[in-house]
Amino acid sequence: YLARMLFAEIGEKPDDDLFLRIDYD
């Protein structure tokens, strides 16, 4: 796959937000 992805999941407050990156491998 020729792709690199950034995901975010929102929480009840900024401290609860989640960010993660998934690479092509």
PDBML (XML) file of the C-alpha atoms, coordinates in Angstrom:
<?xml version="1.0" encoding="UTF-8" ?>
<PDBx:datablock datablockName="MODEL"
   xmlns:PDBx="http://pdbml.pdb.org/schema/pdbx-v50.xsd"
   xmlns:xsi="http://www.w3.org/2001/XMLSchema-instance"
   xsi:schemaLocation="http://pdbml.pdb.org/schema/pdbx-v50.xsd pdbx-v50.xsd">
   <PDBx:atom_siteCategory>
      <PDBx:atom_site id="1">
         <PDBx:B_iso_or_equiv>0.00</PDBx:B_iso_or_equiv>
         <PDBx:Cartn_x>0.000</PDBx:Cartn_x>
         <PDBx:Cartn_y>0.000</PDBx:Cartn_y>
         <PDBx:Cartn_z>0.000</PDBx:Cartn_z>
         <PDBx:auth_asym_id>A</PDBx:auth_asym_id>
         <PDBx:auth_atom_id>CA</PDBx:auth_atom_id>
         <PDBx:auth_comp_id>TYR</PDBx:auth_comp_id>
         <PDBx:auth_seq_id>1</PDBx:auth_seq_id>
         <PDBx:group_PDB>ATOM</PDBx:group_PDB>
         <PDBx:label_alt_id xsi:nil="true" />
         <PDBx:label_asym_id>A</PDBx:label_asym_id>
         <PDBx:label_atom_id>CA</PDBx:label_atom_id>
         <PDBx:label_comp_id>TYR</PDBx:label_comp_id>
         <PDBx:label_entity_id>1</PDBx:label_entity_id>
         <PDBx:label_seq_id>1</PDBx:label_seq_id>
         <PDBx:occupancy>1.00</PDBx:occupancy>
         <PDBx:pdbx_PDB_model_num>1</PDBx:pdbx_PDB_model_num>
         <PDBx:type_symbol>C</PDBx:type_symbol>
      </PDBx:atom_site>
      <PDBx:atom_site id="2">
         <PDBx:B_iso_or_equiv>0.00</PDBx:B_iso_or_equiv>
         <PDBx:Cartn_x>1.364</PDBx:Cartn_x>
         <PDBx:Cartn_y>3.406</PDBx:Cartn_y>
         <PDBx:Cartn_z>-0.978</PDBx:Cartn_z>
         <PDBx:auth_asym_id>A</PDBx:auth_asym_id>
         <PDBx:auth_atom_id>CA</PDBx:auth_atom_id>
         <PDBx:auth_comp_id>LEU</PDBx:auth_comp_id>
         <PDBx:auth_seq_id>2</PDBx:auth_seq_id>
         <PDBx:group_PDB>ATOM</PDBx:group_PDB>
         <PDBx:label_alt_id xsi:nil="true" />
         <PDBx:label_asym_id>A</PDBx:label_asym_id>
         <PDBx:label_atom_id>CA</PDBx:label_atom_id>
         <PDBx:label_comp_id>LEU</PDBx:label_comp_id>
         <PDBx:label_entity_id>1</PDBx:label_entity_id>
         <PDBx:label_seq_id>2</PDBx:label_seq_id>
         <PDBx:occupancy>1.00</PDBx:occupancy>
         <PDBx:pdbx_PDB_model_num>1</PDBx:pdbx_PDB_model_num>
         <PDBx:type_symbol>C</PDBx:type_symbol>
      </PDBx:atom_site>
      <PDBx:atom_site id="3">
         <PDBx:B_iso_or_equiv>0.00</PDBx:B_iso_or_equiv>
         <PDBx:Cartn_x>-0.264</PDBx:Cartn_x>
         <PDBx:Cartn_y>5.256</PDBx:Cartn_y>
         <PDBx:Cartn_z>1.904</PDBx:Cartn_z>
         <PDBx:auth_asym_id>A</PDBx:auth_asym_id>
         <PDBx:auth_atom_id>CA</PDBx:auth_atom_id>
         <PDBx:auth_comp_id>ALA</PDBx:auth_comp_id>
         <PDBx:auth_seq_id>3</PDBx:auth_seq_id>
         <PDBx:group_PDB>ATOM</PDBx:group_PDB>
         <PDBx:label_alt_id xsi:nil="true" />
         <PDBx:label_asym_id>A</PDBx:label_asym_id>
         <PDBx:label_atom_id>CA</PDBx:label_atom_id>
         <PDBx:label_comp_id>ALA</PDBx:label_comp_id>
         <PDBx:label_entity_id>1</PDBx:label_entity_id>
         <PDBx:label_seq_id>3</PDBx:label_seq_id>
         <PDBx:occupancy>1.00</PDBx:occupancy>
         <PDBx:pdbx_PDB_model_num>1</PDBx:pdbx_PDB_model_num>
         <PDBx:type_symbol>C</PDBx:type_symbol>
      </PDBx:atom_site>
      <PDBx:atom_site id="4">
         <PDBx:B_iso_or_equiv>0.00</PDBx:B_iso_or_equiv>
         <PDBx:Cartn_x>0.468</PDBx:Cartn_x>
         <PDBx:Cartn_y>6.834</PDBx:Cartn_y>
         <PDBx:Cartn_z>5.254</PDBx:Cartn_z>
         <PDBx:auth_asym_id>A</PDBx:auth_asym_id>
         <PDBx:auth_atom_id>CA</PDBx:auth_atom_id>
         <PDBx:auth_comp_id>ARG</PDBx:auth_comp_id>
         <PDBx:auth_seq_id>4</PDBx:auth_seq_id>
         <PDBx:group_PDB>ATOM</PDBx:group_PDB>
         <PDBx:label_alt_id xsi:nil="true" />
         <PDBx:label_asym_id>A</PDBx:label_asym_id>
         <PDBx:label_atom_id>CA</PDBx:label_atom_id>
         <PDBx:label_comp_id>ARG</PDBx:label_comp_id>
         <PDBx:label_entity_id>1</PDBx:label_entity_id>
         <PDBx:label_seq_id>4</PDBx:label_seq_id>
         <PDBx:occupancy>1.00</PDBx:occupancy>
         <PDBx:pdbx_PDB_model_num>1</PDBx:pdbx_PDB_model_num>
         <PDBx:type_symbol>C</PDBx:type_symbol>
      </PDBx:atom_site>
      <PDBx:atom_site id="5">
         <PDBx:B_iso_or_equiv>0.00</PDBx:B_iso_or_equiv>
         <PDBx:Cartn_x>-2.510</PDBx:Cartn_x>
         <PDBx:Cartn_y>7.627</PDBx:Cartn_y>
         <PDBx:Cartn_z>7.511</PDBx:Cartn_z>
         <PDBx:auth_asym_id>A</PDBx:auth_asym_id>
         <PDBx:auth_atom_id>CA</PDBx:auth_atom_id>
         <PDBx:auth_comp_id>MET</PDBx:auth_comp_id>
         <PDBx:auth_seq_id>5</PDBx:auth_seq_id>
         <PDBx:group_PDB>ATOM</PDBx:group_PDB>
         <PDBx:label_alt_id xsi:nil="true" />
         <PDBx:label_asym_id>A</PDBx:label_asym_id>
         <PDBx:label_atom_id>CA</PDBx:label_atom_id>
         <PDBx:label_comp_id>MET</PDBx:label_comp_id>
         <PDBx:label_entity_id>1</PDBx:label_entity_id>
         <PDBx:label_seq_id>5</PDBx:label_seq_id>
         <PDBx:occupancy>1.00</PDBx:occupancy>
         <PDBx:pdbx_PDB_model_num>1</PDBx:pdbx_PDB_model_num>
         <PDBx:type_symbol>C</PDBx:type_symbol>
      </PDBx:atom_site>
      <PDBx:atom_site id="6">
         <PDBx:B_iso_or_equiv>0.00</PDBx:B_iso_or_equiv>
         <PDBx:Cartn_x>-3.252</PDBx:Cartn_x>
         <PDBx:Cartn_y>9.875</PDBx:Cartn_y>
         <PDBx:Cartn_z>10.475</PDBx:Cartn_z>
         <PDBx:auth_asym_id>A</PDBx:auth_asym_id>
         <PDBx:auth_atom_id>CA</PDBx:auth_atom_id>
         <PDBx:auth_comp_id>LEU</PDBx:auth_comp_id>
         <PDBx:auth_seq_id>6</PDBx:auth_seq_id>
         <PDBx:group_PDB>ATOM</PDBx:group_PDB>
         <PDBx:label_alt_id xsi:nil="true" />
         <PDBx:label_asym_id>A</PDBx:label_asym_id>
         <PDBx:label_atom_id>CA</PDBx:label_atom_id>
         <PDBx:label_comp_id>LEU</PDBx:label_comp_id>
         <PDBx:label_entity_id>1</PDBx:label_entity_id>
         <PDBx:label_seq_id>6</PDBx:label_seq_id>
         <PDBx:occupancy>1.00</PDBx:occupancy>
         <PDBx:pdbx_PDB_model_num>1</PDBx:pdbx_PDB_model_num>
         <PDBx:type_symbol>C</PDBx:type_symbol>
      </PDBx:atom_site>
      <PDBx:atom_site id="7">
         <PDBx:B_iso_or_equiv>0.00</PDBx:B_iso_or_equiv>
         <PDBx:Cartn_x>-6.273</PDBx:Cartn_x>
         <PDBx:Cartn_y>9.047</PDBx:Cartn_y>
         <PDBx:Cartn_z>12.665</PDBx:Cartn_z>
         <PDBx:auth_asym_id>A</PDBx:auth_asym_id>
         <PDBx:auth_atom_id>CA</PDBx:auth_atom_id>
         <PDBx:auth_comp_id>PHE</PDBx:auth_comp_id>
         <PDBx:auth_seq_id>7</PDBx:auth_seq_id>
         <PDBx:group_PDB>ATOM</PDBx:group_PDB>
         <PDBx:label_alt_id xsi:nil="true" />
         <PDBx:label_asym_id>A</PDBx:label_asym_id>
         <PDBx:label_atom_id>CA</PDBx:label_atom_id>
         <PDBx:label_comp_id>PHE</PDBx:label_comp_id>
         <PDBx:label_entity_id>1</PDBx:label_entity_id>
         <PDBx:label_seq_id>7</PDBx:label_seq_id>
         <PDBx:occupancy>1.00</PDBx:occupancy>
         <PDBx:pdbx_PDB_model_num>1</PDBx:pdbx_PDB_model_num>
         <PDBx:type_symbol>C</PDBx:type_symbol>
      </PDBx:atom_site>
      <PDBx:atom_site id="8">
         <PDBx:B_iso_or_equiv>0.00</PDBx:B_iso_or_equiv>
         <PDBx:Cartn_x>-7.898</PDBx:Cartn_x>
         <PDBx:Cartn_y>11.015</PDBx:Cartn_y>
         <PDBx:Cartn_z>15.463</PDBx:Cartn_z>
         <PDBx:auth_asym_id>A</PDBx:auth_asym_id>
         <PDBx:auth_atom_id>CA</PDBx:auth_atom_id>
         <PDBx:auth_comp_id>ALA</PDBx:auth_comp_id>
         <PDBx:auth_seq_id>8</PDBx:auth_seq_id>
         <PDBx:group_PDB>ATOM</PDBx:group_PDB>
         <PDBx:label_alt_id xsi:nil="true" />
         <PDBx:label_asym_id>A</PDBx:label_asym_id>
         <PDBx:label_atom_id>CA</PDBx:label_atom_id>
         <PDBx:label_comp_id>ALA</PDBx:label_comp_id>
         <PDBx:label_entity_id>1</PDBx:label_entity_id>
         <PDBx:label_seq_id>8</PDBx:label_seq_id>
         <PDBx:occupancy>1.00</PDBx:occupancy>
         <PDBx:pdbx_PDB_model_num>1</PDBx:pdbx_PDB_model_num>
         <PDBx:type_symbol>C</PDBx:type_symbol>
      </PDBx:atom_site>
      <PDBx:atom_site id="9">
         <PDBx:B_iso_or_equiv>0.00</PDBx:B_iso_or_equiv>
         <PDBx:Cartn_x>-10.575</PDBx:Cartn_x>
         <PDBx:Cartn_y>10.031</PDBx:Cartn_y>
         <PDBx:Cartn_z>17.972</PDBx:Cartn_z>
         <PDBx:auth_asym_id>A</PDBx:auth_asym_id>
         <PDBx:auth_atom_id>CA</PDBx:auth_atom_id>
         <PDBx:auth_comp_id>GLU</PDBx:auth_comp_id>
         <PDBx:auth_seq_id>9</PDBx:auth_seq_id>
         <PDBx:group_PDB>ATOM</PDBx:group_PDB>
         <PDBx:label_alt_id xsi:nil="true" />
         <PDBx:label_asym_id>A</PDBx:label_asym_id>
         <PDBx:label_atom_id>CA</PDBx:label_atom_id>
         <PDBx:label_comp_id>GLU</PDBx:label_comp_id>
         <PDBx:label_entity_id>1</PDBx:label_entity_id>
         <PDBx:label_seq_id>9</PDBx:label_seq_id>
         <PDBx:occupancy>1.00</PDBx:occupancy>
         <PDBx:pdbx_PDB_model_num>1</PDBx:pdbx_PDB_model_num>
         <PDBx:type_symbol>C</PDBx:type_symbol>
      </PDBx:atom_site>
      <PDBx:atom_site id="10">
         <PDBx:B_iso_or_equiv>0.00</PDBx:B_iso_or_equiv>
         <PDBx:Cartn_x>-12.308</PDBx:Cartn_x>
         <PDBx:Cartn_y>12.784</PDBx:Cartn_y>
         <PDBx:Cartn_z>19.900</PDBx:Cartn_z>
         <PDBx:auth_asym_id>A</PDBx:auth_asym_id>
         <PDBx:auth_atom_id>CA</PDBx:auth_atom_id>
         <PDBx:auth_comp_id>ILE</PDBx:auth_comp_id>
         <PDBx:auth_seq_id>10</PDBx:auth_seq_id>
         <PDBx:group_PDB>ATOM</PDBx:group_PDB>
         <PDBx:label_alt_id xsi:nil="true" />
         <PDBx:label_asym_id>A</PDBx:label_asym_id>
         <PDBx:label_atom_id>CA</PDBx:label_atom_id>
         <PDBx:label_comp_id>ILE</PDBx:label_comp_id>
         <PDBx:label_entity_id>1</PDBx:label_entity_id>
         <PDBx:label_seq_id>10</PDBx:label_seq_id>
         <PDBx:occupancy>1.00</PDBx:occupancy>
         <PDBx:pdbx_PDB_model_num>1</PDBx:pdbx_PDB_model_num>
         <PDBx:type_symbol>C</PDBx:type_symbol>
      </PDBx:atom_site>
      <PDBx:atom_site id="11">
         <PDBx:B_iso_or_equiv>0.00</PDBx:B_iso_or_equiv>
         <PDBx:Cartn_x>-12.797</PDBx:Cartn_x>
         <PDBx:Cartn_y>12.582</PDBx:Cartn_y>
         <PDBx:Cartn_z>23.666</PDBx:Cartn_z>
         <PDBx:auth_asym_id>A</PDBx:auth_asym_id>
         <PDBx:auth_atom_id>CA</PDBx:auth_atom_id>
         <PDBx:auth_comp_id>GLY</PDBx:auth_comp_id>
         <PDBx:auth_seq_id>11</PDBx:auth_seq_id>
         <PDBx:group_PDB>ATOM</PDBx:group_PDB>
         <PDBx:label_alt_id xsi:nil="true" />
         <PDBx:label_asym_id>A</PDBx:label_asym_id>
         <PDBx:label_atom_id>CA</PDBx:label_atom_id>
         <PDBx:label_comp_id>GLY</PDBx:label_comp_id>
         <PDBx:label_entity_id>1</PDBx:label_entity_id>
         <PDBx:label_seq_id>11</PDBx:label_seq_id>
         <PDBx:occupancy>1.00</PDBx:occupancy>
         <PDBx:pdbx_PDB_model_num>1</PDBx:pdbx_PDB_model_num>
         <PDBx:type_symbol>C</PDBx:type_symbol>
      </PDBx:atom_site>
      <PDBx:atom_site id="12">
         <PDBx:B_iso_or_equiv>0.00</PDBx:B_iso_or_equiv>
         <PDBx:Cartn_x>-14.879</PDBx:Cartn_x>
         <PDBx:Cartn_y>14.447</PDBx:Cartn_y>
         <PDBx:Cartn_z>26.203</PDBx:Cartn_z>
         <PDBx:auth_asym_id>A</PDBx:auth_asym_id>
         <PDBx:auth_atom_id>CA</PDBx:auth_atom_id>
         <PDBx:auth_comp_id>GLU</PDBx:auth_comp_id>
         <PDBx:auth_seq_id>12</PDBx:auth_seq_id>
         <PDBx:group_PDB>ATOM</PDBx:group_PDB>
         <PDBx:label_alt_id xsi:nil="true" />
         <PDBx:label_asym_id>A</PDBx:label_asym_id>
         <PDBx:label_atom_id>CA</PDBx:label_atom_id>
         <PDBx:label_comp_id>GLU</PDBx:label_comp_id>
         <PDBx:label_entity_id>1</PDBx:label_entity_id>
         <PDBx:label_seq_id>12</PDBx:label_seq_id>
         <PDBx:occupancy>1.00</PDBx:occupancy>
         <PDBx:pdbx_PDB_model_num>1</PDBx:pdbx_PDB_model_num>
         <PDBx:type_symbol>C</PDBx:type_symbol>
      </PDBx:atom_site>
      <PDBx:atom_site id="13">
         <PDBx:B_iso_or_equiv>0.00</PDBx:B_iso_or_equiv>
         <PDBx:Cartn_x>-12.061</PDBx:Cartn_x>
         <PDBx:Cartn_y>16.979</PDBx:Cartn_y>
         <PDBx:Cartn_z>26.706</PDBx:Cartn_z>
         <PDBx:auth_asym_id>A</PDBx:auth_asym_id>
         <PDBx:auth_atom_id>CA</PDBx:auth_atom_id>
         <PDBx:auth_comp_id>LYS</PDBx:auth_comp_id>
         <PDBx:auth_seq_id>13</PDBx:auth_seq_id>
         <PDBx:group_PDB>ATOM</PDBx:group_PDB>
         <PDBx:label_alt_id xsi:nil="true" />
         <PDBx:label_asym_id>A</PDBx:label_asym_id>
         <PDBx:label_atom_id>CA</PDBx:label_atom_id>
         <PDBx:label_comp_id>LYS</PDBx:label_comp_id>
         <PDBx:label_entity_id>1</PDBx:label_entity_id>
         <PDBx:label_seq_id>13</PDBx:label_seq_id>
         <PDBx:occupancy>1.00</PDBx:occupancy>
         <PDBx:pdbx_PDB_model_num>1</PDBx:pdbx_PDB_model_num>
         <PDBx:type_symbol>C</PDBx:type_symbol>
      </PDBx:atom_site>
      <PDBx:atom_site id="14">
         <PDBx:B_iso_or_equiv>0.00</PDBx:B_iso_or_equiv>
         <PDBx:Cartn_x>-8.788</PDBx:Cartn_x>
         <PDBx:Cartn_y>17.758</PDBx:Cartn_y>
         <PDBx:Cartn_z>24.861</PDBx:Cartn_z>
         <PDBx:auth_asym_id>A</PDBx:auth_asym_id>
         <PDBx:auth_atom_id>CA</PDBx:auth_atom_id>
         <PDBx:auth_comp_id>PRO</PDBx:auth_comp_id>
         <PDBx:auth_seq_id>14</PDBx:auth_seq_id>
         <PDBx:group_PDB>ATOM</PDBx:group_PDB>
         <PDBx:label_alt_id xsi:nil="true" />
         <PDBx:label_asym_id>A</PDBx:label_asym_id>
         <PDBx:label_atom_id>CA</PDBx:label_atom_id>
         <PDBx:label_comp_id>PRO</PDBx:label_comp_id>
         <PDBx:label_entity_id>1</PDBx:label_entity_id>
         <PDBx:label_seq_id>14</PDBx:label_seq_id>
         <PDBx:occupancy>1.00</PDBx:occupancy>
         <PDBx:pdbx_PDB_model_num>1</PDBx:pdbx_PDB_model_num>
         <PDBx:type_symbol>C</PDBx:type_symbol>
      </PDBx:atom_site>
      <PDBx:atom_site id="15">
         <PDBx:B_iso_or_equiv>0.00</PDBx:B_iso_or_equiv>
         <PDBx:Cartn_x>-6.788</PDBx:Cartn_x>
         <PDBx:Cartn_y>15.587</PDBx:Cartn_y>
         <PDBx:Cartn_z>27.280</PDBx:Cartn_z>
         <PDBx:auth_asym_id>A</PDBx:auth_asym_id>
         <PDBx:auth_atom_id>CA</PDBx:auth_atom_id>
         <PDBx:auth_comp_id>ASP</PDBx:auth_comp_id>
         <PDBx:auth_seq_id>15</PDBx:auth_seq_id>
         <PDBx:group_PDB>ATOM</PDBx:group_PDB>
         <PDBx:label_alt_id xsi:nil="true" />
         <PDBx:label_asym_id>A</PDBx:label_asym_id>
         <PDBx:label_atom_id>CA</PDBx:label_atom_id>
         <PDBx:label_comp_id>ASP</PDBx:label_comp_id>
         <PDBx:label_entity_id>1</PDBx:label_entity_id>
         <PDBx:label_seq_id>15</PDBx:label_seq_id>
         <PDBx:occupancy>1.00</PDBx:occupancy>
         <PDBx:pdbx_PDB_model_num>1</PDBx:pdbx_PDB_model_num>
         <PDBx:type_symbol>C</PDBx:type_symbol>
      </PDBx:atom_site>
      <PDBx:atom_site id="16">
         <PDBx:B_iso_or_equiv>0.00</PDBx:B_iso_or_equiv>
         <PDBx:Cartn_x>-8.848</PDBx:Cartn_x>
         <PDBx:Cartn_y>12.570</PDBx:Cartn_y>
         <PDBx:Cartn_z>26.158</PDBx:Cartn_z>
         <PDBx:auth_asym_id>A</PDBx:auth_asym_id>
         <PDBx:auth_atom_id>CA</PDBx:auth_atom_id>
         <PDBx:auth_comp_id>ASP</PDBx:auth_comp_id>
         <PDBx:auth_seq_id>16</PDBx:auth_seq_id>
         <PDBx:group_PDB>ATOM</PDBx:group_PDB>
         <PDBx:label_alt_id xsi:nil="true" />
         <PDBx:label_asym_id>A</PDBx:label_asym_id>
         <PDBx:label_atom_id>CA</PDBx:label_atom_id>
         <PDBx:label_comp_id>ASP</PDBx:label_comp_id>
         <PDBx:label_entity_id>1</PDBx:label_entity_id>
         <PDBx:label_seq_id>16</PDBx:label_seq_id>
         <PDBx:occupancy>1.00</PDBx:occupancy>
         <PDBx:pdbx_PDB_model_num>1</PDBx:pdbx_PDB_model_num>
         <PDBx:type_symbol>C</PDBx:type_symbol>
      </PDBx:atom_site>
      <PDBx:atom_site id="17">
         <PDBx:B_iso_or_equiv>0.00</PDBx:B_iso_or_equiv>
         <PDBx:Cartn_x>-8.278</PDBx:Cartn_x>
         <PDBx:Cartn_y>13.038</PDBx:Cartn_y>
         <PDBx:Cartn_z>22.417</PDBx:Cartn_z>
         <PDBx:auth_asym_id>A</PDBx:auth_asym_id>
         <PDBx:auth_atom_id>CA</PDBx:auth_atom_id>
         <PDBx:auth_comp_id>ASP</PDBx:auth_comp_id>
         <PDBx:auth_seq_id>17</PDBx:auth_seq_id>
         <PDBx:group_PDB>ATOM</PDBx:group_PDB>
         <PDBx:label_alt_id xsi:nil="true" />
         <PDBx:label_asym_id>A</PDBx:label_asym_id>
         <PDBx:label_atom_id>CA</PDBx:label_atom_id>
         <PDBx:label_comp_id>ASP</PDBx:label_comp_id>
         <PDBx:label_entity_id>1</PDBx:label_entity_id>
         <PDBx:label_seq_id>17</PDBx:label_seq_id>
         <PDBx:occupancy>1.00</PDBx:occupancy>
         <PDBx:pdbx_PDB_model_num>1</PDBx:pdbx_PDB_model_num>
         <PDBx:type_symbol>C</PDBx:type_symbol>
      </PDBx:atom_site>
      <PDBx:atom_site id="18">
         <PDBx:B_iso_or_equiv>0.00</PDBx:B_iso_or_equiv>
         <PDBx:Cartn_x>-6.257</PDBx:Cartn_x>
         <PDBx:Cartn_y>10.308</PDBx:Cartn_y>
         <PDBx:Cartn_z>20.721</PDBx:Cartn_z>
         <PDBx:auth_asym_id>A</PDBx:auth_asym_id>
         <PDBx:auth_atom_id>CA</PDBx:auth_atom_id>
         <PDBx:auth_comp_id>LEU</PDBx:auth_comp_id>
         <PDBx:auth_seq_id>18</PDBx:auth_seq_id>
         <PDBx:group_PDB>ATOM</PDBx:group_PDB>
         <PDBx:label_alt_id xsi:nil="true" />
         <PDBx:label_asym_id>A</PDBx:label_asym_id>
         <PDBx:label_atom_id>CA</PDBx:label_atom_id>
         <PDBx:label_comp_id>LEU</PDBx:label_comp_id>
         <PDBx:label_entity_id>1</PDBx:label_entity_id>
         <PDBx:label_seq_id>18</PDBx:label_seq_id>
         <PDBx:occupancy>1.00</PDBx:occupancy>
         <PDBx:pdbx_PDB_model_num>1</PDBx:pdbx_PDB_model_num>
         <PDBx:type_symbol>C</PDBx:type_symbol>
      </PDBx:atom_site>
      <PDBx:atom_site id="19">
         <PDBx:B_iso_or_equiv>0.00</PDBx:B_iso_or_equiv>
         <PDBx:Cartn_x>-3.996</PDBx:Cartn_x>
         <PDBx:Cartn_y>10.705</PDBx:Cartn_y>
         <PDBx:Cartn_z>17.680</PDBx:Cartn_z>
         <PDBx:auth_asym_id>A</PDBx:auth_asym_id>
         <PDBx:auth_atom_id>CA</PDBx:auth_atom_id>
         <PDBx:auth_comp_id>PHE</PDBx:auth_comp_id>
         <PDBx:auth_seq_id>19</PDBx:auth_seq_id>
         <PDBx:group_PDB>ATOM</PDBx:group_PDB>
         <PDBx:label_alt_id xsi:nil="true" />
         <PDBx:label_asym_id>A</PDBx:label_asym_id>
         <PDBx:label_atom_id>CA</PDBx:label_atom_id>
         <PDBx:label_comp_id>PHE</PDBx:label_comp_id>
         <PDBx:label_entity_id>1</PDBx:label_entity_id>
         <PDBx:label_seq_id>19</PDBx:label_seq_id>
         <PDBx:occupancy>1.00</PDBx:occupancy>
         <PDBx:pdbx_PDB_model_num>1</PDBx:pdbx_PDB_model_num>
         <PDBx:type_symbol>C</PDBx:type_symbol>
      </PDBx:atom_site>
      <PDBx:atom_site id="20">
         <PDBx:B_iso_or_equiv>0.00</PDBx:B_iso_or_equiv>
         <PDBx:Cartn_x>-2.116</PDBx:Cartn_x>
         <PDBx:Cartn_y>7.896</PDBx:Cartn_y>
         <PDBx:Cartn_z>15.971</PDBx:Cartn_z>
         <PDBx:auth_asym_id>A</PDBx:auth_asym_id>
         <PDBx:auth_atom_id>CA</PDBx:auth_atom_id>
         <PDBx:auth_comp_id>LEU</PDBx:auth_comp_id>
         <PDBx:auth_seq_id>20</PDBx:auth_seq_id>
         <PDBx:group_PDB>ATOM</PDBx:group_PDB>
         <PDBx:label_alt_id xsi:nil="true" />
         <PDBx:label_asym_id>A</PDBx:label_asym_id>
         <PDBx:label_atom_id>CA</PDBx:label_atom_id>
         <PDBx:label_comp_id>LEU</PDBx:label_comp_id>
         <PDBx:label_entity_id>1</PDBx:label_entity_id>
         <PDBx:label_seq_id>20</PDBx:label_seq_id>
         <PDBx:occupancy>1.00</PDBx:occupancy>
         <PDBx:pdbx_PDB_model_num>1</PDBx:pdbx_PDB_model_num>
         <PDBx:type_symbol>C</PDBx:type_symbol>
      </PDBx:atom_site>
      <PDBx:atom_site id="21">
         <PDBx:B_iso_or_equiv>0.00</PDBx:B_iso_or_equiv>
         <PDBx:Cartn_x>-0.285</PDBx:Cartn_x>
         <PDBx:Cartn_y>7.363</PDBx:Cartn_y>
         <PDBx:Cartn_z>12.705</PDBx:Cartn_z>
         <PDBx:auth_asym_id>A</PDBx:auth_asym_id>
         <PDBx:auth_atom_id>CA</PDBx:auth_atom_id>
         <PDBx:auth_comp_id>ARG</PDBx:auth_comp_id>
         <PDBx:auth_seq_id>21</PDBx:auth_seq_id>
         <PDBx:group_PDB>ATOM</PDBx:group_PDB>
         <PDBx:label_alt_id xsi:nil="true" />
         <PDBx:label_asym_id>A</PDBx:label_asym_id>
         <PDBx:label_atom_id>CA</PDBx:label_atom_id>
         <PDBx:label_comp_id>ARG</PDBx:label_comp_id>
         <PDBx:label_entity_id>1</PDBx:label_entity_id>
         <PDBx:label_seq_id>21</PDBx:label_seq_id>
         <PDBx:occupancy>1.00</PDBx:occupancy>
         <PDBx:pdbx_PDB_model_num>1</PDBx:pdbx_PDB_model_num>
         <PDBx:type_symbol>C</PDBx:type_symbol>
      </PDBx:atom_site>
      <PDBx:atom_site id="22">
         <PDBx:B_iso_or_equiv>0.00</PDBx:B_iso_or_equiv>
         <PDBx:Cartn_x>-0.265</PDBx:Cartn_x>
         <PDBx:Cartn_y>4.132</PDBx:Cartn_y>
         <PDBx:Cartn_z>10.694</PDBx:Cartn_z>
         <PDBx:auth_asym_id>A</PDBx:auth_asym_id>
         <PDBx:auth_atom_id>CA</PDBx:auth_atom_id>
         <PDBx:auth_comp_id>ILE</PDBx:auth_comp_id>
         <PDBx:auth_seq_id>22</PDBx:auth_seq_id>
         <PDBx:group_PDB>ATOM</PDBx:group_PDB>
         <PDBx:label_alt_id xsi:nil="true" />
         <PDBx:label_asym_id>A</PDBx:label_asym_id>
         <PDBx:label_atom_id>CA</PDBx:label_atom_id>
         <PDBx:label_comp_id>ILE</PDBx:label_comp_id>
         <PDBx:label_entity_id>1</PDBx:label_entity_id>
         <PDBx:label_seq_id>22</PDBx:label_seq_id>
         <PDBx:occupancy>1.00</PDBx:occupancy>
         <PDBx:pdbx_PDB_model_num>1</PDBx:pdbx_PDB_model_num>
         <PDBx:type_symbol>C</PDBx:type_symbol>
      </PDBx:atom_site>
      <PDBx:atom_site id="23">
         <PDBx:B_iso_or_equiv>0.00</PDBx:B_iso_or_equiv>
         <PDBx:Cartn_x>2.500</PDBx:Cartn_x>
         <PDBx:Cartn_y>3.655</PDBx:Cartn_y>
         <PDBx:Cartn_z>8.158</PDBx:Cartn_z>
         <PDBx:auth_asym_id>A</PDBx:auth_asym_id>
         <PDBx:auth_atom_id>CA</PDBx:auth_atom_id>
         <PDBx:auth_comp_id>ASP</PDBx:auth_comp_id>
         <PDBx:auth_seq_id>23</PDBx:auth_seq_id>
         <PDBx:group_PDB>ATOM</PDBx:group_PDB>
         <PDBx:label_alt_id xsi:nil="true" />
         <PDBx:label_asym_id>A</PDBx:label_asym_id>
         <PDBx:label_atom_id>CA</PDBx:label_atom_id>
         <PDBx:label_comp_id>ASP</PDBx:label_comp_id>
         <PDBx:label_entity_id>1</PDBx:label_entity_id>
         <PDBx:label_seq_id>23</PDBx:label_seq_id>
         <PDBx:occupancy>1.00</PDBx:occupancy>
         <PDBx:pdbx_PDB_model_num>1</PDBx:pdbx_PDB_model_num>
         <PDBx:type_symbol>C</PDBx:type_symbol>
      </PDBx:atom_site>
      <PDBx:atom_site id="24">
         <PDBx:B_iso_or_equiv>0.00</PDBx:B_iso_or_equiv>
         <PDBx:Cartn_x>2.586</PDBx:Cartn_x>
         <PDBx:Cartn_y>1.656</PDBx:Cartn_y>
         <PDBx:Cartn_z>4.939</PDBx:Cartn_z>
         <PDBx:auth_asym_id>A</PDBx:auth_asym_id>
         <PDBx:auth_atom_id>CA</PDBx:auth_atom_id>
         <PDBx:auth_comp_id>TYR</PDBx:auth_comp_id>
         <PDBx:auth_seq_id>24</PDBx:auth_seq_id>
         <PDBx:group_PDB>ATOM</PDBx:group_PDB>
         <PDBx:label_alt_id xsi:nil="true" />
         <PDBx:label_asym_id>A</PDBx:label_asym_id>
         <PDBx:label_atom_id>CA</PDBx:label_atom_id>
         <PDBx:label_comp_id>TYR</PDBx:label_comp_id>
         <PDBx:label_entity_id>1</PDBx:label_entity_id>
         <PDBx:label_seq_id>24</PDBx:label_seq_id>
         <PDBx:occupancy>1.00</PDBx:occupancy>
         <PDBx:pdbx_PDB_model_num>1</PDBx:pdbx_PDB_model_num>
         <PDBx:type_symbol>C</PDBx:type_symbol>
      </PDBx:atom_site>
      <PDBx:atom_site id="25">
         <PDBx:B_iso_or_equiv>0.00</PDBx:B_iso_or_equiv>
         <PDBx:Cartn_x>4.304</PDBx:Cartn_x>
         <PDBx:Cartn_y>-1.270</PDBx:Cartn_y>
         <PDBx:Cartn_z>6.723</PDBx:Cartn_z>
         <PDBx:auth_asym_id>A</PDBx:auth_asym_id>
         <PDBx:auth_atom_id>CA</PDBx:auth_atom_id>
         <PDBx:auth_comp_id>ASP</PDBx:auth_comp_id>
         <PDBx:auth_seq_id>25</PDBx:auth_seq_id>
         <PDBx:group_PDB>ATOM</PDBx:group_PDB>
         <PDBx:label_alt_id xsi:nil="true" />
         <PDBx:label_asym_id>A</PDBx:label_asym_id>
         <PDBx:label_atom_id>CA</PDBx:label_atom_id>
         <PDBx:label_comp_id>ASP</PDBx:label_comp_id>
         <PDBx:label_entity_id>1</PDBx:label_entity_id>
         <PDBx:label_seq_id>25</PDBx:label_seq_id>
         <PDBx:occupancy>1.00</PDBx:occupancy>
         <PDBx:pdbx_PDB_model_num>1</PDBx:pdbx_PDB_model_num>
         <PDBx:type_symbol>C</PDBx:type_symbol>
      </PDBx:atom_site>
   </PDBx:atom_siteCategory>
</PDBx:datablock>
